[in-house]
Amino acid sequence: MPKTALILFAHGARDPDWASPLHRVKAAICEHHPAMRVEVAFLEIMQPKLQDCADTLSSEGFGRIVILPMFIAQGGHIKKDTPLILDELRQRYPEVTFELAGPVGEAEAIVQAIASHALLLVRDVQI
């Protein structure tokens, strides 16, 4: 079985603090599974780029890389930009399996967590 790594993949922003929740997710995953390799990568603006992260993981012998888009839903970045990057990576590293998961925001557990959070915000408000 190939060594597997997980990349939390996000858009990126000019404000470096924007990535803080992503690093908190990474830390939570690593707390529960200390042996799991988890990285954070970005589409643009911030570093590392997805390609750079994949380069590093491939050079370290990871044969399976799962990419989890940290997006609320599918849009152009998931439907158009990311497949082009994955095609490039698959050509560069044919020995590595790259798997693209669905956007995290479309997972039912996340939808329910957002709904619960929203209800907590308005629980004392008369509608």
C-alpha atoms as a PDB file:
ATOM      1  CA  MET A   1       0.000   0.000   0.000  1.00  0.00           C
ATOM      2  CA  PRO A   2       1.464   3.389  -0.978  1.00  0.00           C
ATOM      3  CA  LYS A   3       2.266   6.050   1.570  1.00  0.00           C
ATOM      4  CA  THR A   4      -0.654   8.491   1.654  1.00  0.00           C
ATOM      5  CA  ALA A   5      -0.642  12.221   2.292  1.00  0.00           C
ATOM      6  CA  LEU A   6      -3.514  14.669   2.636  1.00  0.00           C
ATOM      7  CA  ILE A   7      -3.414  18.205   1.243  1.00  0.00           C
ATOM      8  CA  LEU A   8      -5.878  20.760   2.544  1.00  0.00           C
ATOM      9  CA  PHE A   9      -6.245  22.903  -0.571  1.00  0.00           C
ATOM     10  CA  ALA A  10      -7.530  26.467  -0.385  1.00  0.00           C
ATOM     11  CA  HIS A  11      -7.688  29.569  -2.539  1.00  0.00           C
ATOM     12  CA  GLY A  12      -5.256  31.851  -0.726  1.00  0.00           C
ATOM     13  CA  ALA A  13      -5.460  35.485   0.357  1.00  0.00           C
ATOM     14  CA  ARG A  14      -3.310  38.548   0.818  1.00  0.00           C
ATOM     15  CA  ASP A  15      -3.782  38.517   4.602  1.00  0.00           C
ATOM     16  CA  PRO A  16      -1.542  35.793   6.072  1.00  0.00           C
ATOM     17  CA  ASP A  17      -3.926  35.366   9.041  1.00  0.00           C
ATOM     18  CA  TRP A  18      -6.576  34.140   6.590  1.00  0.00           C
ATOM     19  CA  ALA A  19      -4.913  30.702   6.575  1.00  0.00           C
ATOM     20  CA  SER A  20      -5.134  30.286  10.357  1.00  0.00           C
ATOM     21  CA  PRO A  21      -8.286  28.098  10.326  1.00  0.00           C
ATOM     22  CA  LEU A  22      -6.660  25.798   7.772  1.00  0.00           C
ATOM     23  CA  HIS A  23      -3.665  25.308  10.032  1.00  0.00           C
ATOM     24  CA  ARG A  24      -6.044  24.642  12.937  1.00  0.00           C
ATOM     25  CA  VAL A  25      -7.743  21.914  10.861  1.00  0.00           C
ATOM     26  CA  LYS A  26      -4.326  20.452  10.053  1.00  0.00           C
ATOM     27  CA  ALA A  27      -3.357  20.502  13.743  1.00  0.00           C
ATOM     28  CA  ALA A  28      -6.636  18.813  14.743  1.00  0.00           C
ATOM     29  CA  ILE A  29      -6.111  16.048  12.190  1.00  0.00           C
ATOM     30  CA  CYS A  30      -2.526  15.517  13.310  1.00  0.00           C
ATOM     31  CA  GLU A  31      -3.589  15.457  16.964  1.00  0.00           C
ATOM     32  CA  HIS A  32      -5.911  12.521  16.245  1.00  0.00           C
ATOM     33  CA  HIS A  33      -3.584  10.834  13.727  1.00  0.00           C
ATOM     34  CA  PRO A  34       0.006  11.892  14.489  1.00  0.00           C
ATOM     35  CA  ALA A  35       1.496   9.586  11.849  1.00  0.00           C
ATOM     36  CA  MET A  36      -0.606  11.065   9.034  1.00  0.00           C
ATOM     37  CA  ARG A  37       1.116  13.516   6.714  1.00  0.00           C
ATOM     38  CA  VAL A  38      -1.061  16.594   6.277  1.00  0.00           C
ATOM     39  CA  GLU A  39      -0.102  19.727   4.371  1.00  0.00           C
ATOM     40  CA  VAL A  40      -1.819  22.988   3.489  1.00  0.00           C
ATOM     41  CA  ALA A  41      -1.484  24.310  -0.074  1.00  0.00           C
ATOM     42  CA  PHE A  42      -2.960  27.167  -2.045  1.00  0.00           C
ATOM     43  CA  LEU A  43      -4.216  27.904  -5.528  1.00  0.00           C
ATOM     44  CA  GLU A  44      -2.768  31.396  -5.645  1.00  0.00           C
ATOM     45  CA  ILE A  45      -1.300  34.301  -3.675  1.00  0.00           C
ATOM     46  CA  MET A  46      -0.087  32.238  -0.675  1.00  0.00           C
ATOM     47  CA  GLN A  47       2.631  29.606  -0.482  1.00  0.00           C
ATOM     48  CA  PRO A  48       3.057  26.761  -0.993  1.00  0.00           C
ATOM     49  CA  LYS A  49       1.203  26.285  -4.246  1.00  0.00           C
ATOM     50  CA  LEU A  50      -0.480  22.931  -4.781  1.00  0.00           C
ATOM     51  CA  GLN A  51       2.168  22.000  -7.355  1.00  0.00           C
ATOM     52  CA  ASP A  52       5.038  22.774  -4.933  1.00  0.00           C
ATOM     53  CA  CYS A  53       3.416  20.758  -2.179  1.00  0.00           C
ATOM     54  CA  ALA A  54       2.880  17.825  -4.559  1.00  0.00           C
ATOM     55  CA  ASP A  55       6.515  18.090  -5.692  1.00  0.00           C
ATOM     56  CA  THR A  56       7.710  17.800  -2.087  1.00  0.00           C
ATOM     57  CA  LEU A  57       5.417  14.911  -1.198  1.00  0.00           C
ATOM     58  CA  SER A  58       6.280  13.023  -4.382  1.00  0.00           C
ATOM     59  CA  SER A  59      10.003  13.453  -3.739  1.00  0.00           C
ATOM     60  CA  GLU A  60       9.480  12.036  -0.240  1.00  0.00           C
ATOM     61  CA  GLY A  61       7.943   8.850  -1.642  1.00  0.00           C
ATOM     62  CA  PHE A  62       4.242   9.456  -1.162  1.00  0.00           C
ATOM     63  CA  GLY A  63       2.457   7.363  -3.772  1.00  0.00           C
ATOM     64  CA  ARG A  64      -1.065   8.551  -3.016  1.00  0.00           C
ATOM     65  CA  ILE A  65      -1.985  12.180  -2.478  1.00  0.00           C
ATOM     66  CA  VAL A  66      -5.538  13.078  -1.494  1.00  0.00           C
ATOM     67  CA  ILE A  67      -6.479  16.701  -2.123  1.00  0.00           C
ATOM     68  CA  LEU A  68      -9.332  18.103  -0.035  1.00  0.00           C
ATOM     69  CA  PRO A  69     -10.644  21.410  -1.414  1.00  0.00           C
ATOM     70  CA  MET A  70     -11.377  23.697   1.520  1.00  0.00           C
ATOM     71  CA  PHE A  71     -14.096  25.443  -0.464  1.00  0.00           C
ATOM     72  CA  ILE A  72     -17.744  25.858   0.524  1.00  0.00           C
ATOM     73  CA  ALA A  73     -18.958  24.570  -2.865  1.00  0.00           C
ATOM     74  CA  GLN A  74     -17.833  23.737  -6.388  1.00  0.00           C
ATOM     75  CA  GLY A  75     -17.016  26.693  -8.564  1.00  0.00           C
ATOM     76  CA  GLY A  76     -14.588  27.538 -11.331  1.00  0.00           C
ATOM     77  CA  HIS A  77     -11.530  26.791  -9.218  1.00  0.00           C
ATOM     78  CA  ILE A  78     -12.692  23.230  -8.574  1.00  0.00           C
ATOM     79  CA  LYS A  79     -14.291  22.594 -11.956  1.00  0.00           C
ATOM     80  CA  LYS A  80     -11.702  24.230 -14.208  1.00  0.00           C
ATOM     81  CA  ASP A  81      -8.467  25.317 -12.510  1.00  0.00           C
ATOM     82  CA  THR A  82      -7.800  22.330 -10.275  1.00  0.00           C
ATOM     83  CA  PRO A  83      -8.287  19.638 -12.979  1.00  0.00           C
ATOM     84  CA  LEU A  84      -5.677  21.419 -15.128  1.00  0.00           C
ATOM     85  CA  ILE A  85      -3.218  21.389 -12.230  1.00  0.00           C
ATOM     86  CA  LEU A  86      -3.962  17.703 -11.555  1.00  0.00           C
ATOM     87  CA  ASP A  87      -3.451  16.806 -15.223  1.00  0.00           C
ATOM     88  CA  GLU A  88      -0.038  18.478 -15.070  1.00  0.00           C
ATOM     89  CA  LEU A  89       0.868  16.670 -11.833  1.00  0.00           C
ATOM     90  CA  ARG A  90      -0.279  13.292 -13.153  1.00  0.00           C
ATOM     91  CA  GLN A  91       1.930  13.730 -16.212  1.00  0.00           C
ATOM     92  CA  ARG A  92       4.887  14.832 -14.082  1.00  0.00           C
ATOM     93  CA  TYR A  93       4.410  12.022 -11.524  1.00  0.00           C
ATOM     94  CA  PRO A  94       2.758   9.038 -13.244  1.00  0.00           C
ATOM     95  CA  GLU A  95       3.720   6.802 -10.311  1.00  0.00           C
ATOM     96  CA  VAL A  96       1.638   8.900  -7.889  1.00  0.00           C
ATOM     97  CA  THR A  97      -2.133   8.638  -7.530  1.00  0.00           C
ATOM     98  CA  PHE A  98      -3.721  12.058  -7.090  1.00  0.00           C
ATOM     99  CA  GLU A  99      -7.279  11.991  -5.754  1.00  0.00           C
ATOM    100  CA  LEU A 100      -9.501  15.060  -5.647  1.00  0.00           C
ATOM    101  CA  ALA A 101     -12.182  14.955  -2.961  1.00  0.00           C
ATOM    102  CA  GLY A 102     -15.354  17.014  -3.115  1.00  0.00           C
ATOM    103  CA  PRO A 103     -15.355  20.478  -1.569  1.00  0.00           C
ATOM    104  CA  VAL A 104     -15.451  20.284   2.208  1.00  0.00           C
ATOM    105  CA  GLY A 105     -18.473  22.593   2.334  1.00  0.00           C
ATOM    106  CA  GLU A 106     -20.621  20.063   0.484  1.00  0.00           C
ATOM    107  CA  ALA A 107     -20.091  17.325   3.085  1.00  0.00           C
ATOM    108  CA  GLU A 108     -23.312  16.743   5.029  1.00  0.00           C
ATOM    109  CA  ALA A 109     -21.531  16.970   8.388  1.00  0.00           C
ATOM    110  CA  ILE A 110     -20.229  20.420   7.441  1.00  0.00           C
ATOM    111  CA  VAL A 111     -23.649  21.573   6.190  1.00  0.00           C
ATOM    112  CA  GLN A 112     -25.186  20.493   9.515  1.00  0.00           C
ATOM    113  CA  ALA A 113     -22.385  22.145  11.529  1.00  0.00           C
ATOM    114  CA  ILE A 114     -22.924  25.442   9.679  1.00  0.00           C
ATOM    115  CA  ALA A 115     -26.680  25.212  10.201  1.00  0.00           C
ATOM    116  CA  SER A 116     -26.188  24.534  13.917  1.00  0.00           C
ATOM    117  CA  HIS A 117     -23.813  27.456  14.219  1.00  0.00           C
ATOM    118  CA  ALA A 118     -26.249  29.761  12.412  1.00  0.00           C
ATOM    119  CA  LEU A 119     -29.084  28.700  14.720  1.00  0.00           C
ATOM    120  CA  LEU A 120     -26.930  29.390  17.783  1.00  0.00           C
ATOM    121  CA  LEU A 121     -26.375  32.921  16.503  1.00  0.00           C
ATOM    122  CA  VAL A 122     -30.093  33.649  16.278  1.00  0.00           C
ATOM    123  CA  ARG A 123     -31.511  31.465  19.056  1.00  0.00           C
ATOM    124  CA  ASP A 124     -32.541  34.455  21.176  1.00  0.00           C
ATOM    125  CA  VAL A 125     -33.911  36.435  18.239  1.00  0.00           C
ATOM    126  CA  GLN A 126     -37.673  36.584  17.713  1.00  0.00           C
ATOM    127  CA  ILE A 127     -38.552  35.780  14.101  1.00  0.00           C
END
